[in-house]
Amino acid sequence: MNRKKWIVVLVIAFLLTAIGAGVAIGMTNIKKTSDEFTIKPGQLIDIKLEENPSTGYSWSVSISNNDVVEVARDYFAEGLPIIGGGGEHIWKIKGLEKGVATLTFSYSRSWEENRTIEEKTFTIRVK
C-alpha cells in the first residue's frame, strides 16, 4: 500500500476509535445543566438547544406543572445546509399563572431505553 492510502486508513481508524470512545463515555455519564427564569403570565420565552436529528438523537421535554407554563410552540431550525448538519430545537414557553414549574429536557434516541446522554433542567417562576 502506498503512503497516502496508509495515512487515510490511519485517520479513519483514529476517527472511529474517537467516536466510539465518545459514545461509550456519553452513555455512562449524563451531562447535566440547569438554569432559572422569571416571567409574567402571558409572557413567552425561548429555550434553544442544539440538536442533530441525523444522529438519531433528539430532545424531549417534561413539565412538572402544566398549570404554570405550557409549550406554546416547538420547532427545529436547521443550521448550515450540509449533510448530517444539525441545528437548534426551539421551544416557546408561555407563562400561564403564578407559580413554579420545572422543565426537564432529555437528549436521547427514542428507540433506546435509559440512554439519555444529556439532560437540561429549567426552573420557570411565573410572578
Protein backbone atom coordinates (compact mmCIF):
# COMPACT_ATOMS: atom_id res chain seq x y z
CA MET A 1 0.00 0.00 0.00
CA ASN A 2 1.33 3.43 -0.80
CA ARG A 3 1.88 6.12 1.79
CA LYS A 4 -1.34 8.10 1.03
CA LYS A 5 -3.54 5.02 1.48
CA TRP A 6 -1.87 4.23 4.84
CA ILE A 7 -2.48 7.77 6.05
CA VAL A 8 -6.16 7.56 5.03
CA VAL A 9 -6.54 4.19 6.80
CA LEU A 10 -4.89 5.54 9.97
CA VAL A 11 -7.03 8.68 10.00
CA ILE A 12 -10.23 6.63 9.58
CA ALA A 13 -9.16 4.22 12.34
CA PHE A 14 -8.40 7.15 14.66
CA LEU A 15 -11.77 8.80 13.99
CA LEU A 16 -13.71 5.58 14.54
CA THR A 17 -11.88 4.99 17.81
CA ALA A 18 -12.53 8.55 19.00
CA ILE A 19 -16.23 8.39 18.07
CA GLY A 20 -16.63 5.02 19.80
CA ALA A 21 -14.96 6.31 22.96
CA GLY A 22 -17.20 9.39 22.97
CA VAL A 23 -20.35 7.31 22.65
CA ALA A 24 -19.25 4.98 25.45
CA ILE A 25 -18.46 7.88 27.77
CA GLY A 26 -21.73 9.65 26.91
CA MET A 27 -23.78 6.60 27.76
CA THR A 28 -22.39 6.31 31.26
CA ASN A 29 -22.00 9.96 32.28
CA ILE A 30 -25.05 12.12 31.63
CA LYS A 31 -24.11 15.78 31.19
CA LYS A 32 -26.50 17.79 33.36
CA THR A 33 -27.05 21.54 33.48
CA SER A 34 -29.74 23.80 34.91
CA ASP A 35 -30.94 27.36 34.57
CA GLU A 36 -33.69 29.57 36.00
CA PHE A 37 -36.05 32.16 34.51
CA THR A 38 -38.67 34.51 35.93
CA ILE A 39 -41.53 35.57 33.66
CA LYS A 40 -45.02 37.05 33.90
CA PRO A 41 -48.34 35.38 32.98
CA GLY A 42 -48.80 35.62 29.22
CA GLN A 43 -45.08 36.21 28.61
CA LEU A 44 -43.17 33.97 26.17
CA ILE A 45 -39.54 32.89 26.43
CA ASP A 46 -37.46 30.82 24.04
CA ILE A 47 -35.45 27.81 25.09
CA LYS A 48 -32.98 26.79 22.38
CA LEU A 49 -30.98 23.56 22.44
CA GLU A 50 -28.56 22.27 19.83
CA GLU A 51 -29.86 19.13 18.15
CA ASN A 52 -28.73 16.88 15.32
CA PRO A 53 -31.57 14.58 14.20
CA SER A 54 -29.30 12.86 11.65
CA THR A 55 -27.62 11.09 14.61
CA GLY A 56 -30.97 9.77 15.85
CA TYR A 57 -30.79 11.94 18.97
CA SER A 58 -33.50 14.45 19.77
CA TRP A 59 -34.72 16.42 22.77
CA SER A 60 -37.89 15.58 24.66
CA VAL A 61 -39.38 17.69 27.43
CA SER A 62 -41.42 17.00 30.54
CA ILE A 63 -43.10 19.76 32.57
CA SER A 64 -43.65 19.41 36.31
CA ASN A 65 -46.65 21.77 36.48
CA ASN A 66 -48.77 22.30 33.35
CA ASP A 67 -50.91 24.89 35.17
CA VAL A 68 -47.93 27.29 35.42
CA VAL A 69 -46.39 27.05 31.93
CA GLU A 70 -47.09 25.47 28.57
CA VAL A 71 -45.19 24.83 25.37
CA ALA A 72 -46.82 27.33 23.02
CA ARG A 73 -44.74 26.11 20.06
CA ASP A 74 -41.74 23.92 19.35
CA TYR A 75 -39.82 23.51 16.11
CA PHE A 76 -36.43 22.66 14.62
CA ALA A 77 -34.37 25.36 12.89
CA GLU A 78 -31.72 23.94 10.56
CA GLY A 79 -28.18 25.20 10.81
CA LEU A 80 -25.80 25.14 7.87
CA PRO A 81 -27.25 23.24 4.89
CA ILE A 82 -24.75 20.38 4.95
CA ILE A 83 -25.30 16.63 5.02
CA GLY A 84 -25.53 15.48 8.61
CA GLY A 85 -25.64 19.06 9.87
CA GLY A 86 -27.59 19.91 12.96
CA GLY A 87 -29.45 22.96 14.13
CA GLU A 88 -31.49 24.16 17.07
CA HIS A 89 -34.65 22.79 18.62
CA ILE A 90 -36.62 25.79 19.88
CA TRP A 91 -39.44 25.80 22.41
CA LYS A 92 -41.59 28.86 23.04
CA ILE A 93 -42.64 28.58 26.68
CA LYS A 94 -45.63 30.62 27.84
CA GLY A 95 -46.32 31.64 31.43
CA LEU A 96 -49.91 30.81 32.39
CA GLU A 97 -50.38 31.58 36.06
CA LYS A 98 -48.27 32.37 39.11
CA GLY A 99 -46.20 29.50 40.42
CA VAL A 100 -43.11 27.43 39.71
CA ALA A 101 -42.57 24.74 37.08
CA THR A 102 -39.56 22.64 36.21
CA LEU A 103 -38.90 21.70 32.58
CA THR A 104 -36.60 18.71 32.12
CA PHE A 105 -35.14 18.21 28.65
CA SER A 106 -33.59 14.82 27.80
CA TYR A 107 -31.38 14.20 24.76
CA SER A 108 -31.72 10.59 23.65
CA ARG A 109 -32.70 8.19 20.90
CA SER A 110 -36.38 7.24 21.13
CA TRP A 111 -35.72 3.55 20.45
CA GLU A 112 -33.09 3.15 23.19
CA GLU A 113 -34.27 2.76 26.78
CA ASN A 114 -32.36 4.59 29.53
CA ARG A 115 -29.86 6.05 27.06
CA THR A 116 -30.12 9.77 27.81
CA ILE A 117 -26.74 11.34 27.13
CA GLU A 118 -27.60 14.87 28.22
CA GLU A 119 -30.18 16.45 30.49
CA LYS A 120 -31.02 20.13 30.96
CA THR A 121 -33.35 21.46 33.63
CA PHE A 122 -35.02 24.87 33.58
CA THR A 123 -36.92 26.27 36.53
CA ILE A 124 -39.55 28.77 35.43
CA ARG A 125 -41.02 31.12 38.02
CA VAL A 126 -44.17 32.92 36.92
CA LYS A 127 -44.81 36.05 39.03
